[in-house]
Amino acid sequence: YQWTPKHTLFGRYLLDSSRGPNPYELTKNLLTGGQLGPNGLAQSFTLGSTYLISSNIVNTLRLTGNRTATNNDGGSFISWADMGANIYAPVPHMMVLTVTGAFSIGTASQGGPAVGNFLGGNDDVSWVRGNHQLAFGVAGGHFTNNDYNKGRDTGRSSITGTITGSAMADFMTGNVAAFDQGGSNRRQEYKWYLGTYGADTWKASRNVTVNYGVRWEPYFAQV
């Protein structure tokens, strides 16, 4: 959008989604219960301003935001409690069983909902002065990540063949090598970003151009 003879604005919005059933919902085959179904949405927007301060100075401003949200789950088929085991089932009809070298049922990487956001922007000035093209700028942003990971909270059994020497024989005889169960993993994180720079493109002679500059990016720890 040409706001004034010296000032132009632009905007852009992008959206991408991926959705589908997990394989178990289609096949009802327990061996596919460890595969996740896609369920995600990604969005991105940018707003921009370009302003001609004078015939040799241009200011550009960019504001941007990105958001991704996913909720990828495996199949809902059976839990340890469904089979009569005295094991707490926080997620109905889900479990994890691994028989080394043979097969796996369920997955400990079931994730969701998970949401990541970024809001930020940058402002840059370009100044042509004699044989120099000077550039200055600053950028900043704020990242957030919230996710809720489940899988291990359903209870996870490993059968490795440590008793009979064969993992399948241990499975048939009910010899479990290890069992663990933990609480759901919830993370709420954020992080700031800041950077600033100055640079110069110097036309030292007809066939020699020198580029140099400095950039400063302080470190802010993730919280």
C-alpha atoms as a PDB file:
ATOM      1  CA  TYR A   1       0.000   0.000   0.000  1.00  0.00           C
ATOM      2  CA  GLN A   2       1.465   3.331  -1.102  1.00  0.00           C
ATOM      3  CA  TRP A   3       0.506   5.514   1.871  1.00  0.00           C
ATOM      4  CA  THR A   4       2.434   8.632   0.788  1.00  0.00           C
ATOM      5  CA  PRO A   5       5.028   9.264  -1.916  1.00  0.00           C
ATOM      6  CA  LYS A   6       7.693   8.481   0.731  1.00  0.00           C
ATOM      7  CA  HIS A   7       5.987   5.725   2.673  1.00  0.00           C
ATOM      8  CA  THR A   8       4.906   2.211   1.650  1.00  0.00           C
ATOM      9  CA  LEU A   9       3.317  -0.530   3.772  1.00  0.00           C
ATOM     10  CA  PHE A  10       2.907  -4.262   3.187  1.00  0.00           C
ATOM     11  CA  GLY A  11       1.505  -7.291   4.964  1.00  0.00           C
ATOM     12  CA  ARG A  12       1.676 -11.058   4.543  1.00  0.00           C
ATOM     13  CA  TYR A  13      -0.157 -13.922   6.244  1.00  0.00           C
ATOM     14  CA  LEU A  14       0.623 -17.612   5.759  1.00  0.00           C
ATOM     15  CA  LEU A  15      -1.286 -20.609   7.098  1.00  0.00           C
ATOM     16  CA  ASP A  16      -0.435 -24.306   6.811  1.00  0.00           C
ATOM     17  CA  SER A  17      -2.244 -27.221   8.439  1.00  0.00           C
ATOM     18  CA  SER A  18      -1.774 -30.970   8.558  1.00  0.00           C
ATOM     19  CA  ARG A  19      -4.472 -33.292   9.847  1.00  0.00           C
ATOM     20  CA  GLY A  20      -5.163 -36.978   9.601  1.00  0.00           C
ATOM     21  CA  PRO A  21      -5.985 -40.109  11.594  1.00  0.00           C
ATOM     22  CA  ASN A  22      -3.289 -42.143  13.268  1.00  0.00           C
ATOM     23  CA  PRO A  23      -2.658 -45.526  11.585  1.00  0.00           C
ATOM     24  CA  TYR A  24      -4.355 -47.540  14.335  1.00  0.00           C
ATOM     25  CA  GLU A  25      -7.680 -45.792  13.714  1.00  0.00           C
ATOM     26  CA  LEU A  26      -7.523 -46.980  10.115  1.00  0.00           C
ATOM     27  CA  THR A  27      -6.185 -50.510  10.566  1.00  0.00           C
ATOM     28  CA  LYS A  28      -7.061 -51.550  14.160  1.00  0.00           C
ATOM     29  CA  ASN A  29      -3.684 -53.274  14.105  1.00  0.00           C
ATOM     30  CA  LEU A  30      -1.933 -53.080  17.487  1.00  0.00           C
ATOM     31  CA  LEU A  31       1.466 -52.997  15.790  1.00  0.00           C
ATOM     32  CA  THR A  32       0.593 -49.577  14.336  1.00  0.00           C
ATOM     33  CA  GLY A  33      -0.392 -48.162  17.738  1.00  0.00           C
ATOM     34  CA  GLY A  34       3.012 -46.560  18.213  1.00  0.00           C
ATOM     35  CA  GLN A  35       2.679 -44.319  15.163  1.00  0.00           C
ATOM     36  CA  LEU A  36       1.340 -40.808  15.635  1.00  0.00           C
ATOM     37  CA  GLY A  37      -1.355 -39.135  13.618  1.00  0.00           C
ATOM     38  CA  PRO A  38      -0.610 -35.642  12.274  1.00  0.00           C
ATOM     39  CA  ASN A  39      -2.607 -32.793  13.760  1.00  0.00           C
ATOM     40  CA  GLY A  40      -0.969 -29.398  13.480  1.00  0.00           C
ATOM     41  CA  LEU A  41      -1.482 -25.810  12.444  1.00  0.00           C
ATOM     42  CA  ALA A  42       1.236 -23.251  11.605  1.00  0.00           C
ATOM     43  CA  GLN A  43       0.594 -19.532  11.119  1.00  0.00           C
ATOM     44  CA  SER A  44       2.899 -16.661  10.223  1.00  0.00           C
ATOM     45  CA  PHE A  45       2.352 -12.966   9.638  1.00  0.00           C
ATOM     46  CA  THR A  46       4.592 -10.043   8.717  1.00  0.00           C
ATOM     47  CA  LEU A  47       3.871  -6.324   8.660  1.00  0.00           C
ATOM     48  CA  GLY A  48       6.326  -3.965   7.013  1.00  0.00           C
ATOM     49  CA  SER A  49       6.970  -0.269   6.579  1.00  0.00           C
ATOM     50  CA  THR A  50       9.503   1.369   4.242  1.00  0.00           C
ATOM     51  CA  TYR A  51       9.977   5.096   4.729  1.00  0.00           C
ATOM     52  CA  LEU A  52      12.174   7.392   2.639  1.00  0.00           C
ATOM     53  CA  ILE A  53      13.509   9.859   5.225  1.00  0.00           C
ATOM     54  CA  SER A  54      15.473  11.759   2.571  1.00  0.00           C
ATOM     55  CA  SER A  55      16.923  11.098  -0.858  1.00  0.00           C
ATOM     56  CA  ASN A  56      19.789   9.089   0.697  1.00  0.00           C
ATOM     57  CA  ILE A  57      18.307   7.674   3.950  1.00  0.00           C
ATOM     58  CA  VAL A  58      15.780   4.825   4.059  1.00  0.00           C
ATOM     59  CA  ASN A  59      14.192   3.307   7.155  1.00  0.00           C
ATOM     60  CA  THR A  60      12.634  -0.173   7.053  1.00  0.00           C
ATOM     61  CA  LEU A  61      10.534  -1.617   9.887  1.00  0.00           C
ATOM     62  CA  ARG A  62       9.405  -5.254  10.060  1.00  0.00           C
ATOM     63  CA  LEU A  63       7.104  -6.848  12.638  1.00  0.00           C
ATOM     64  CA  THR A  64       6.540 -10.583  12.596  1.00  0.00           C
ATOM     65  CA  GLY A  65       4.753 -13.339  14.467  1.00  0.00           C
ATOM     66  CA  ASN A  66       4.849 -17.125  14.165  1.00  0.00           C
ATOM     67  CA  ARG A  67       2.668 -19.693  15.900  1.00  0.00           C
ATOM     68  CA  THR A  68       2.684 -23.493  15.686  1.00  0.00           C
ATOM     69  CA  ALA A  69       0.202 -25.725  17.486  1.00  0.00           C
ATOM     70  CA  THR A  70       0.281 -29.530  17.387  1.00  0.00           C
ATOM     71  CA  ASN A  71      -1.574 -32.332  19.102  1.00  0.00           C
ATOM     72  CA  ASN A  72      -0.127 -35.566  17.724  1.00  0.00           C
ATOM     73  CA  ASP A  73      -1.520 -38.669  19.409  1.00  0.00           C
ATOM     74  CA  GLY A  74      -1.101 -42.376  18.921  1.00  0.00           C
ATOM     75  CA  GLY A  75      -3.877 -44.905  18.816  1.00  0.00           C
ATOM     76  CA  SER A  76      -6.327 -45.466  21.652  1.00  0.00           C
ATOM     77  CA  PHE A  77      -6.514 -49.252  21.978  1.00  0.00           C
ATOM     78  CA  ILE A  78      -5.910 -50.801  25.436  1.00  0.00           C
ATOM     79  CA  SER A  79      -4.273 -49.985  28.767  1.00  0.00           C
ATOM     80  CA  TRP A  80      -2.688 -52.076  31.504  1.00  0.00           C
ATOM     81  CA  ALA A  81      -5.787 -51.503  33.636  1.00  0.00           C
ATOM     82  CA  ASP A  82      -8.029 -52.748  30.799  1.00  0.00           C
ATOM     83  CA  MET A  83      -6.155 -56.063  31.008  1.00  0.00           C
ATOM     84  CA  GLY A  84      -6.625 -56.352  34.776  1.00  0.00           C
ATOM     85  CA  ALA A  85      -3.270 -54.973  35.977  1.00  0.00           C
ATOM     86  CA  ASN A  86      -3.292 -52.828  39.108  1.00  0.00           C
ATOM     87  CA  ILE A  87      -1.714 -49.893  37.260  1.00  0.00           C
ATOM     88  CA  TYR A  88      -3.074 -46.359  37.146  1.00  0.00           C
ATOM     89  CA  ALA A  89      -4.239 -45.323  33.665  1.00  0.00           C
ATOM     90  CA  PRO A  90      -4.319 -41.500  33.380  1.00  0.00           C
ATOM     91  CA  VAL A  91      -4.976 -41.720  29.637  1.00  0.00           C
ATOM     92  CA  PRO A  92      -7.716 -44.204  28.714  1.00  0.00           C
ATOM     93  CA  HIS A  93      -6.784 -47.177  26.550  1.00  0.00           C
ATOM     94  CA  MET A  94      -3.101 -46.306  26.094  1.00  0.00           C
ATOM     95  CA  MET A  95       0.052 -48.166  27.111  1.00  0.00           C
ATOM     96  CA  VAL A  96       3.650 -48.761  26.016  1.00  0.00           C
ATOM     97  CA  LEU A  97       5.181 -52.232  25.571  1.00  0.00           C
ATOM     98  CA  THR A  98       8.504 -52.960  23.866  1.00  0.00           C
ATOM     99  CA  VAL A  99       9.773 -56.455  23.093  1.00  0.00           C
ATOM    100  CA  THR A 100      13.396 -56.135  21.969  1.00  0.00           C
ATOM    101  CA  GLY A 101      13.948 -57.292  18.404  1.00  0.00           C
ATOM    102  CA  ALA A 102      10.285 -58.162  17.936  1.00  0.00           C
ATOM    103  CA  PHE A 103       7.595 -55.496  18.208  1.00  0.00           C
ATOM    104  CA  SER A 104       6.382 -52.435  20.072  1.00  0.00           C
ATOM    105  CA  ILE A 105       2.902 -51.343  21.121  1.00  0.00           C
ATOM    106  CA  GLY A 106       2.224 -47.702  21.894  1.00  0.00           C
ATOM    107  CA  THR A 107       4.744 -44.897  22.098  1.00  0.00           C
ATOM    108  CA  ALA A 108       6.253 -42.775  24.853  1.00  0.00           C
ATOM    109  CA  SER A 109       6.533 -39.766  22.526  1.00  0.00           C
ATOM    110  CA  GLN A 110       2.847 -38.918  22.306  1.00  0.00           C
ATOM    111  CA  GLY A 111       2.847 -35.156  22.384  1.00  0.00           C
ATOM    112  CA  GLY A 112       0.198 -32.588  22.743  1.00  0.00           C
ATOM    113  CA  PRO A 113      -1.098 -30.119  22.941  1.00  0.00           C
ATOM    114  CA  ALA A 114       2.084 -28.172  22.181  1.00  0.00           C
ATOM    115  CA  VAL A 115       2.127 -24.488  21.254  1.00  0.00           C
ATOM    116  CA  GLY A 116       5.132 -22.398  20.224  1.00  0.00           C
ATOM    117  CA  ASN A 117       4.982 -18.652  19.627  1.00  0.00           C
ATOM    118  CA  PHE A 118       7.385 -15.968  18.457  1.00  0.00           C
ATOM    119  CA  LEU A 119       6.744 -12.232  18.360  1.00  0.00           C
ATOM    120  CA  GLY A 120       9.443  -9.881  17.194  1.00  0.00           C
ATOM    121  CA  GLY A 121      10.598  -7.212  14.854  1.00  0.00           C
ATOM    122  CA  ASN A 122      13.529  -5.287  13.473  1.00  0.00           C
ATOM    123  CA  ASP A 123      14.235  -1.741  12.355  1.00  0.00           C
ATOM    124  CA  ASP A 124      17.008  -0.921   9.872  1.00  0.00           C
ATOM    125  CA  VAL A 125      18.363   2.351   8.508  1.00  0.00           C
ATOM    126  CA  SER A 126      20.401   2.610   5.313  1.00  0.00           C
ATOM    127  CA  TRP A 127      22.330   5.863   4.749  1.00  0.00           C
ATOM    128  CA  VAL A 128      24.319   6.642   1.610  1.00  0.00           C
ATOM    129  CA  ARG A 129      26.986   9.250   2.358  1.00  0.00           C
ATOM    130  CA  GLY A 130      29.659   9.892  -0.255  1.00  0.00           C
ATOM    131  CA  ASN A 131      31.522   6.638  -0.946  1.00  0.00           C
ATOM    132  CA  HIS A 132      29.911   4.955   2.058  1.00  0.00           C
ATOM    133  CA  GLN A 133      26.660   3.073   2.495  1.00  0.00           C
ATOM    134  CA  LEU A 134      26.084   2.942   6.246  1.00  0.00           C
ATOM    135  CA  ALA A 135      23.621   0.564   7.866  1.00  0.00           C
ATOM    136  CA  PHE A 136      22.300   0.473  11.435  1.00  0.00           C
ATOM    137  CA  GLY A 137      19.673  -1.702  12.968  1.00  0.00           C
ATOM    138  CA  VAL A 138      18.155  -3.404  15.973  1.00  0.00           C
ATOM    139  CA  ALA A 139      16.099  -6.599  16.300  1.00  0.00           C
ATOM    140  CA  GLY A 140      14.244  -8.162  19.204  1.00  0.00           C
ATOM    141  CA  GLY A 141      11.852 -10.955  19.924  1.00  0.00           C
ATOM    142  CA  HIS A 142      10.128 -13.120  22.491  1.00  0.00           C
ATOM    143  CA  PHE A 143       9.834 -16.902  22.197  1.00  0.00           C
ATOM    144  CA  THR A 144       7.375 -19.017  24.209  1.00  0.00           C
ATOM    145  CA  ASN A 145       6.887 -22.776  24.282  1.00  0.00           C
ATOM    146  CA  ASN A 146       4.139 -24.633  26.125  1.00  0.00           C
ATOM    147  CA  ASP A 147       3.837 -28.365  25.725  1.00  0.00           C
ATOM    148  CA  TYR A 148       2.304 -31.294  27.468  1.00  0.00           C
ATOM    149  CA  ASN A 149       4.011 -34.598  26.740  1.00  0.00           C
ATOM    150  CA  LYS A 150       2.358 -37.841  27.707  1.00  0.00           C
ATOM    151  CA  GLY A 151       3.311 -41.450  27.090  1.00  0.00           C
ATOM    152  CA  ARG A 152       5.435 -42.484  30.029  1.00  0.00           C
ATOM    153  CA  ASP A 153       2.531 -41.713  32.372  1.00  0.00           C
ATOM    154  CA  THR A 154       0.584 -44.622  30.858  1.00  0.00           C
ATOM    155  CA  GLY A 155       3.207 -47.110  32.110  1.00  0.00           C
ATOM    156  CA  ARG A 156       6.037 -48.552  29.996  1.00  0.00           C
ATOM    157  CA  SER A 157       7.218 -52.160  30.007  1.00  0.00           C
ATOM    158  CA  SER A 158      10.406 -53.490  28.427  1.00  0.00           C
ATOM    159  CA  ILE A 159      10.942 -57.167  27.677  1.00  0.00           C
ATOM    160  CA  THR A 160      14.496 -57.918  26.605  1.00  0.00           C
ATOM    161  CA  GLY A 161      15.137 -61.659  26.926  1.00  0.00           C
ATOM    162  CA  THR A 162      17.190 -61.389  30.112  1.00  0.00           C
ATOM    163  CA  ILE A 163      15.478 -64.437  31.675  1.00  0.00           C
ATOM    164  CA  THR A 164      15.254 -67.032  28.887  1.00  0.00           C
ATOM    165  CA  GLY A 165      17.683 -65.499  26.389  1.00  0.00           C
ATOM    166  CA  SER A 166      14.861 -64.779  23.932  1.00  0.00           C
ATOM    167  CA  ALA A 167      12.737 -61.637  24.120  1.00  0.00           C
ATOM    168  CA  MET A 168       9.734 -63.415  22.583  1.00  0.00           C
ATOM    169  CA  ALA A 169      10.094 -66.308  25.038  1.00  0.00           C
ATOM    170  CA  ASP A 170      10.195 -63.816  27.910  1.00  0.00           C
ATOM    171  CA  PHE A 171       7.078 -62.186  26.474  1.00  0.00           C
ATOM    172  CA  MET A 172       5.197 -65.480  26.252  1.00  0.00           C
ATOM    173  CA  THR A 173       6.170 -66.405  29.821  1.00  0.00           C
ATOM    174  CA  GLY A 174       5.439 -62.966  31.272  1.00  0.00           C
ATOM    175  CA  ASN A 175       8.992 -62.042  32.293  1.00  0.00           C
ATOM    176  CA  VAL A 176       9.264 -58.253  32.269  1.00  0.00           C
ATOM    177  CA  ALA A 177      12.777 -56.785  32.422  1.00  0.00           C
ATOM    178  CA  ALA A 178      11.718 -53.286  33.446  1.00  0.00           C
ATOM    179  CA  PHE A 179       8.608 -51.241  34.113  1.00  0.00           C
ATOM    180  CA  ASP A 180       8.463 -47.510  34.724  1.00  0.00           C
ATOM    181  CA  GLN A 181       5.742 -44.928  35.020  1.00  0.00           C
ATOM    182  CA  GLY A 182       6.058 -41.200  35.546  1.00  0.00           C
ATOM    183  CA  GLY A 183       3.955 -38.099  35.650  1.00  0.00           C
ATOM    184  CA  SER A 184       3.058 -36.162  32.535  1.00  0.00           C
ATOM    185  CA  ASN A 185       5.729 -33.715  31.423  1.00  0.00           C
ATOM    186  CA  ARG A 186       4.466 -30.141  31.150  1.00  0.00           C
ATOM    187  CA  ARG A 187       6.817 -27.380  30.059  1.00  0.00           C
ATOM    188  CA  GLN A 188       6.176 -23.642  30.006  1.00  0.00           C
ATOM    189  CA  GLU A 189       9.234 -21.816  28.693  1.00  0.00           C
ATOM    190  CA  TYR A 190      10.081 -18.396  27.357  1.00  0.00           C
ATOM    191  CA  LYS A 191      13.161 -16.613  26.037  1.00  0.00           C
ATOM    192  CA  TRP A 192      14.035 -13.072  24.946  1.00  0.00           C
ATOM    193  CA  TYR A 193      16.255 -12.117  22.017  1.00  0.00           C
ATOM    194  CA  LEU A 194      17.992  -8.808  21.268  1.00  0.00           C
ATOM    195  CA  GLY A 195      20.557  -7.840  18.634  1.00  0.00           C
ATOM    196  CA  THR A 196      21.935  -4.601  17.232  1.00  0.00           C
ATOM    197  CA  TYR A 197      24.512  -3.820  14.551  1.00  0.00           C
ATOM    198  CA  GLY A 198      26.333  -1.185  12.565  1.00  0.00           C
ATOM    199  CA  ALA A 199      27.972  -1.745   9.167  1.00  0.00           C
ATOM    200  CA  ASP A 200      29.573   0.111   6.306  1.00  0.00           C
ATOM    201  CA  THR A 201      30.103  -0.639   2.635  1.00  0.00           C
ATOM    202  CA  TRP A 202      32.948   1.620   1.540  1.00  0.00           C
ATOM    203  CA  LYS A 203      33.811   2.153  -2.116  1.00  0.00           C
ATOM    204  CA  ALA A 204      37.548   2.687  -1.460  1.00  0.00           C
ATOM    205  CA  SER A 205      38.394   2.972  -5.170  1.00  0.00           C
ATOM    206  CA  ARG A 206      36.931   2.171  -8.554  1.00  0.00           C
ATOM    207  CA  ASN A 207      37.679  -1.560  -8.185  1.00  0.00           C
ATOM    208  CA  VAL A 208      38.007  -2.015  -4.388  1.00  0.00           C
ATOM    209  CA  THR A 209      35.032  -2.237  -2.012  1.00  0.00           C
ATOM    210  CA  VAL A 210      35.493  -2.775   1.728  1.00  0.00           C
ATOM    211  CA  ASN A 211      32.737  -4.237   3.926  1.00  0.00           C
ATOM    212  CA  TYR A 212      33.012  -4.116   7.719  1.00  0.00           C
ATOM    213  CA  GLY A 213      30.764  -3.894  10.731  1.00  0.00           C
ATOM    214  CA  VAL A 214      30.040  -4.956  14.274  1.00  0.00           C
ATOM    215  CA  ARG A 215      27.136  -6.846  15.842  1.00  0.00           C
ATOM    216  CA  TRP A 216      26.138  -7.278  19.488  1.00  0.00           C
ATOM    217  CA  GLU A 217      23.772  -9.994  20.713  1.00  0.00           C
ATOM    218  CA  PRO A 218      23.521 -10.314  24.514  1.00  0.00           C
ATOM    219  CA  TYR A 219      22.511 -13.719  25.850  1.00  0.00           C
ATOM    220  CA  PHE A 220      19.261 -14.103  27.758  1.00  0.00           C
ATOM    221  CA  ALA A 221      18.773 -17.496  29.352  1.00  0.00           C
ATOM    222  CA  GLN A 222      15.680 -19.538  28.719  1.00  0.00           C
ATOM    223  CA  VAL A 223      13.266 -19.540  31.647  1.00  0.00           C
END
